[in-house]
Amino acid sequence: MVAGGVWTAGTGGFDALLVDGIATGSPVRAAAPPPPSEPVAPVRVEPTPSVPPPDPAISYPQRGAGRFVTARTTGAVAGRDGRLLRYRVVVEVGIENLDAERFGREVAAILADERGWTAQGRWRLQRVGPDTAADFTVHLATPVTRSRLCNDLTDRYTSCRSGDRVVLNVARWVDGVPHFDGDLETYRQYLVNHEVGHRLGRGHELCPRRGGPAPVMQQQTLGLHGCRPNAWPQVSGRHFTGPSGQYDDPIPTGS
């Protein structure tokens, strides 16, 4: 009889005893497969909402082309009662990243606001395009062109009303003024309402009470004189005014 052992690699010992070439003992078995794993639910990844890029910054030269592009949209009539005045909106060629249509929408939204000039029932206002007669035109102009349109070649800082022209200085539209503490939206509302107020026949006014709101016809571009910034003719549901007059504030040099 021949007896011997067979070494099976990986078992660490003899698995069977051979007697006359016949295997005895436990046969070598293959390892059982692991139990099936539970299915893993797919992980849902929420898409990151796309954020639109910010509007490019408005830029302008000191002297534009002297030509203007007119917004073409005709809007609804703002106000229920009073005389209807139609206006158009134009932007000087050379002002970048602010086209006439966008500027026209911003001006129209301000002039149609319930806190604005139409609230008293004396005026109705409507924006019109280039093919309709207008009672006045709102210009957005570069500083040098503003000086020409306002007949004041030394002032490149403020805005003005000259006849049927309401001339807004793009430097103020973009940069505002320091004493509005960075509130550019309020300043732009004030700028439109103040200069259009001149076209409606309103003169300059003084601060009526220290710590209170400034009348919209106060020259807030140059100083507040104890009042707080205010962009609107209506305050707390009432037409708000101050004493007639203006301060002798210096006009800053440059734009």
Protein backbone atom coordinates (compact mmCIF):
# COMPACT_ATOMS: atom_id res chain seq x y z
CA MET A 1 0.00 0.00 0.00
CA VAL A 2 1.19 3.38 -0.84
CA ALA A 3 0.10 6.13 1.45
CA GLY A 4 0.81 9.71 0.95
CA GLY A 5 -0.63 13.16 1.19
CA VAL A 6 -1.53 15.68 -1.44
CA TRP A 7 -0.75 19.31 -0.67
CA THR A 8 -3.29 21.71 -1.99
CA ALA A 9 -1.98 25.18 -2.45
CA GLY A 10 -3.65 27.75 -0.33
CA THR A 11 -5.18 25.27 2.17
CA GLY A 12 -2.40 25.28 4.70
CA GLY A 13 -2.29 21.38 5.01
CA PHE A 14 -3.19 17.98 3.60
CA ASP A 15 -6.74 17.72 2.28
CA ALA A 16 -6.85 13.99 1.42
CA LEU A 17 -4.91 10.77 2.10
CA LEU A 18 -4.08 8.60 -0.87
CA VAL A 19 -4.21 4.85 -0.24
CA ASP A 20 -3.18 2.85 -3.28
CA GLY A 21 -3.97 5.87 -5.44
CA ILE A 22 -7.51 6.16 -4.06
CA ALA A 23 -8.32 9.37 -2.25
CA THR A 24 -9.87 9.15 1.16
CA GLY A 25 -10.98 11.91 3.49
CA SER A 26 -12.81 15.15 2.63
CA PRO A 27 -12.65 16.33 -0.94
CA VAL A 28 -11.46 19.82 -1.66
CA ARG A 29 -14.44 22.14 -2.25
CA ALA A 30 -14.46 25.49 -3.98
CA ALA A 31 -15.27 28.46 -1.80
CA ALA A 32 -18.96 29.40 -1.80
CA PRO A 33 -19.77 32.64 -3.62
CA PRO A 34 -20.62 35.58 -1.37
CA PRO A 35 -24.32 36.35 -0.86
CA PRO A 36 -25.69 38.87 -3.31
CA SER A 37 -25.40 42.41 -2.05
CA GLU A 38 -28.39 44.69 -1.65
CA PRO A 39 -28.91 46.96 -4.65
CA VAL A 40 -27.58 50.46 -4.04
CA ALA A 41 -29.96 53.23 -4.93
CA PRO A 42 -28.39 55.75 -7.32
CA VAL A 43 -27.42 59.05 -5.74
CA ARG A 44 -29.42 61.93 -7.21
CA VAL A 45 -27.28 64.96 -7.81
CA GLU A 46 -29.30 68.13 -7.96
CA PRO A 47 -28.19 70.35 -10.80
CA THR A 48 -26.55 73.57 -9.74
CA PRO A 49 -28.86 76.44 -10.75
CA SER A 50 -27.30 78.58 -13.38
CA VAL A 51 -26.60 82.12 -12.26
CA PRO A 52 -26.84 84.70 -15.03
CA PRO A 53 -23.72 86.78 -15.39
CA PRO A 54 -23.96 90.29 -13.99
CA ASP A 55 -24.71 93.08 -16.38
CA PRO A 56 -21.50 94.58 -17.71
CA ALA A 57 -20.62 97.89 -16.15
CA ILE A 58 -21.83 101.00 -17.93
CA SER A 59 -18.92 102.96 -19.35
CA TYR A 60 -18.78 106.32 -21.06
CA PRO A 61 -16.33 108.86 -22.45
CA GLN A 62 -16.26 112.45 -21.28
CA ARG A 63 -17.43 113.51 -24.72
CA GLY A 64 -19.84 111.32 -26.65
CA ALA A 65 -20.74 111.42 -30.31
CA GLY A 66 -23.37 114.12 -29.85
CA ARG A 67 -25.90 111.83 -31.55
CA PHE A 68 -28.63 109.92 -29.75
CA VAL A 69 -30.43 106.60 -30.17
CA THR A 70 -34.16 106.78 -29.40
CA ALA A 71 -36.01 104.04 -27.52
CA ARG A 72 -38.76 102.75 -29.81
CA THR A 73 -41.28 101.39 -27.30
CA THR A 74 -44.59 103.15 -26.64
CA GLY A 75 -45.83 102.49 -23.13
CA ALA A 76 -49.12 102.70 -21.33
CA VAL A 77 -50.43 105.97 -19.95
CA ALA A 78 -49.42 106.45 -16.31
CA GLY A 79 -51.97 108.25 -14.14
CA ARG A 80 -55.76 108.53 -14.26
CA ASP A 81 -56.43 112.24 -14.41
CA GLY A 82 -54.84 115.45 -15.57
CA ARG A 83 -53.05 116.72 -18.61
CA LEU A 84 -51.35 114.07 -20.76
CA LEU A 85 -47.69 114.69 -21.55
CA ARG A 86 -45.84 112.35 -23.89
CA TYR A 87 -42.10 111.90 -23.63
CA ARG A 88 -39.41 110.01 -25.48
CA VAL A 89 -36.13 108.64 -24.15
CA VAL A 90 -32.74 108.84 -25.89
CA VAL A 91 -29.19 107.66 -25.09
CA GLU A 92 -26.07 109.25 -26.51
CA VAL A 93 -23.89 107.22 -28.85
CA GLY A 94 -20.66 106.35 -27.03
CA ILE A 95 -22.27 105.24 -23.77
CA GLU A 96 -21.56 101.51 -23.54
CA ASN A 97 -23.59 98.67 -21.98
CA LEU A 98 -26.80 100.67 -21.58
CA ASP A 99 -28.98 100.71 -24.65
CA ALA A 100 -31.91 103.04 -25.21
CA GLU A 101 -34.56 100.35 -24.66
CA ARG A 102 -33.25 99.37 -21.25
CA PHE A 103 -32.81 102.97 -20.16
CA GLY A 104 -36.31 103.74 -21.43
CA ARG A 105 -37.79 100.97 -19.30
CA GLU A 106 -36.04 102.29 -16.20
CA VAL A 107 -37.23 105.85 -16.77
CA ALA A 108 -40.78 104.71 -17.54
CA ALA A 109 -40.94 102.60 -14.36
CA ILE A 110 -39.92 105.61 -12.26
CA LEU A 111 -42.39 108.00 -13.90
CA ALA A 112 -45.25 105.48 -13.60
CA ASP A 113 -44.66 104.80 -9.90
CA GLU A 114 -47.60 105.62 -7.62
CA ARG A 115 -45.30 107.82 -5.53
CA GLY A 116 -44.47 109.94 -8.57
CA TRP A 117 -45.81 112.98 -10.40
CA THR A 118 -49.00 111.31 -11.63
CA ALA A 119 -50.34 110.70 -8.11
CA GLN A 120 -51.84 114.18 -7.70
CA GLY A 121 -54.18 113.91 -10.66
CA ARG A 122 -52.60 116.91 -12.40
CA TRP A 123 -50.51 114.94 -14.88
CA ARG A 124 -50.58 111.80 -16.95
CA LEU A 125 -47.37 110.62 -18.58
CA GLN A 126 -46.74 108.29 -21.52
CA ARG A 127 -43.51 107.12 -23.12
CA VAL A 128 -43.56 107.17 -26.93
CA GLY A 129 -41.21 106.16 -29.71
CA PRO A 130 -39.47 108.23 -32.38
CA ASP A 131 -42.49 108.41 -34.72
CA THR A 132 -44.85 110.08 -32.23
CA ALA A 133 -44.84 113.74 -31.22
CA ALA A 134 -43.48 114.26 -27.71
CA ASP A 135 -43.82 117.08 -25.19
CA PHE A 136 -40.34 116.50 -23.81
CA THR A 137 -37.34 114.21 -24.23
CA VAL A 138 -35.29 112.54 -21.52
CA HIS A 139 -31.63 112.49 -22.58
CA LEU A 140 -28.87 110.37 -21.08
CA ALA A 141 -25.77 112.32 -22.06
CA THR A 142 -22.02 112.32 -21.47
CA PRO A 143 -20.63 115.13 -19.28
CA VAL A 144 -19.44 117.35 -22.15
CA THR A 145 -22.65 116.90 -24.13
CA ARG A 146 -24.63 117.64 -20.97
CA SER A 147 -22.80 120.98 -20.73
CA ARG A 148 -23.73 121.83 -24.30
CA LEU A 149 -27.39 120.83 -23.99
CA CYS A 150 -27.73 122.71 -20.68
CA ASN A 151 -25.99 125.83 -22.01
CA ASP A 152 -23.46 125.73 -19.17
CA LEU A 153 -19.99 124.79 -20.39
CA THR A 154 -18.43 124.90 -16.91
CA ASP A 155 -20.68 122.27 -15.31
CA ARG A 156 -19.99 118.64 -16.14
CA TYR A 157 -21.31 117.32 -12.82
CA THR A 158 -25.04 118.00 -12.46
CA SER A 159 -28.04 117.32 -14.67
CA CYS A 160 -30.57 119.86 -15.92
CA ARG A 161 -33.79 120.71 -17.68
CA SER A 162 -33.48 123.00 -20.68
CA GLY A 163 -36.74 123.77 -22.48
CA ASP A 164 -38.24 120.46 -23.51
CA ARG A 165 -35.01 118.62 -22.79
CA VAL A 166 -34.57 116.72 -19.55
CA VAL A 167 -30.83 116.07 -19.53
CA LEU A 168 -29.45 113.40 -17.19
CA ASN A 169 -25.68 113.26 -16.81
CA VAL A 170 -24.50 109.67 -17.31
CA ALA A 171 -21.72 110.29 -14.76
CA ARG A 172 -24.35 110.77 -12.06
CA TRP A 173 -26.44 107.84 -13.37
CA VAL A 174 -23.41 105.56 -13.02
CA ASP A 175 -21.67 106.97 -9.93
CA GLY A 176 -24.40 108.73 -7.95
CA VAL A 177 -23.29 111.16 -5.24
CA PRO A 178 -21.40 110.49 -1.97
CA HIS A 179 -24.12 111.57 0.47
CA PHE A 180 -26.60 108.93 -0.81
CA ASP A 181 -24.29 106.36 0.83
CA GLY A 182 -24.11 104.09 -2.20
CA ASP A 183 -27.87 103.87 -2.71
CA LEU A 184 -27.72 104.26 -6.48
CA GLU A 185 -31.29 103.08 -7.09
CA THR A 186 -32.75 105.83 -4.90
CA TYR A 187 -30.47 108.41 -6.45
CA ARG A 188 -31.52 107.48 -9.99
CA GLN A 189 -35.18 107.73 -8.99
CA TYR A 190 -34.52 111.13 -7.50
CA LEU A 191 -32.61 112.28 -10.59
CA VAL A 192 -35.46 111.43 -12.97
CA ASN A 193 -38.19 112.87 -10.74
CA HIS A 194 -36.27 116.06 -9.95
CA GLU A 195 -35.47 116.99 -13.55
CA VAL A 196 -38.89 115.98 -14.87
CA GLY A 197 -40.35 118.06 -12.03
CA HIS A 198 -38.68 121.09 -13.57
CA ARG A 199 -40.35 120.28 -16.89
CA LEU A 200 -43.68 120.20 -15.03
CA GLY A 201 -43.02 123.71 -13.77
CA ARG A 202 -41.59 123.04 -10.32
CA GLY A 203 -38.73 125.14 -8.91
CA HIS A 204 -36.13 124.35 -6.28
CA GLU A 205 -37.06 123.85 -2.63
CA LEU A 206 -35.29 123.80 0.73
CA CYS A 207 -35.10 121.19 3.49
CA PRO A 208 -38.19 121.83 5.68
CA ARG A 209 -37.08 119.93 8.78
CA ARG A 210 -33.74 118.54 9.89
CA GLY A 211 -33.87 114.75 10.05
CA GLY A 212 -36.91 114.55 7.80
CA PRO A 213 -37.06 113.63 4.13
CA ALA A 214 -35.79 116.07 1.55
CA PRO A 215 -38.33 117.41 -0.96
CA VAL A 216 -37.73 115.88 -4.37
CA MET A 217 -37.19 119.41 -5.73
CA GLN A 218 -34.35 120.08 -3.29
CA GLN A 219 -30.96 119.99 -5.05
CA GLN A 220 -29.99 116.73 -3.39
CA THR A 221 -27.17 116.16 -5.87
CA LEU A 222 -25.26 119.00 -4.19
CA GLY A 223 -26.26 118.55 -0.54
CA LEU A 224 -28.93 117.44 1.92
CA HIS A 225 -28.64 120.20 4.55
CA GLY A 226 -29.89 118.02 7.38
CA CYS A 227 -32.58 116.21 5.43
CA ARG A 228 -32.55 112.56 4.43
CA PRO A 229 -32.44 111.45 0.78
CA ASN A 230 -35.86 111.18 -0.85
CA ALA A 231 -36.62 110.28 -4.45
CA TRP A 232 -40.37 110.89 -4.64
CA PRO A 233 -42.89 113.74 -4.85
CA GLN A 234 -45.25 111.71 -2.61
CA VAL A 235 -44.22 110.86 0.95
CA SER A 236 -46.53 108.77 3.16
CA GLY A 237 -49.31 109.13 0.61
CA ARG A 238 -49.21 112.93 0.46
CA HIS A 239 -47.56 115.41 -1.87
CA PHE A 240 -44.46 116.58 -0.04
CA THR A 241 -42.81 119.97 -0.54
CA GLY A 242 -40.43 122.37 1.17
CA PRO A 243 -39.97 126.14 1.21
CA SER A 244 -39.14 127.66 -2.14
CA GLY A 245 -35.45 128.47 -2.65
CA GLN A 246 -32.04 126.92 -3.19
CA TYR A 247 -28.72 126.68 -1.38
CA ASP A 248 -25.49 128.22 -2.60
CA ASP A 249 -23.72 124.88 -2.80
CA PRO A 250 -20.55 124.69 -4.89
CA ILE A 251 -20.66 122.46 -7.95
CA PRO A 252 -17.85 119.88 -7.84
CA THR A 253 -15.30 120.14 -10.60
CA GLY A 254 -14.93 117.35 -13.12
CA SER A 255 -17.61 114.74 -13.62
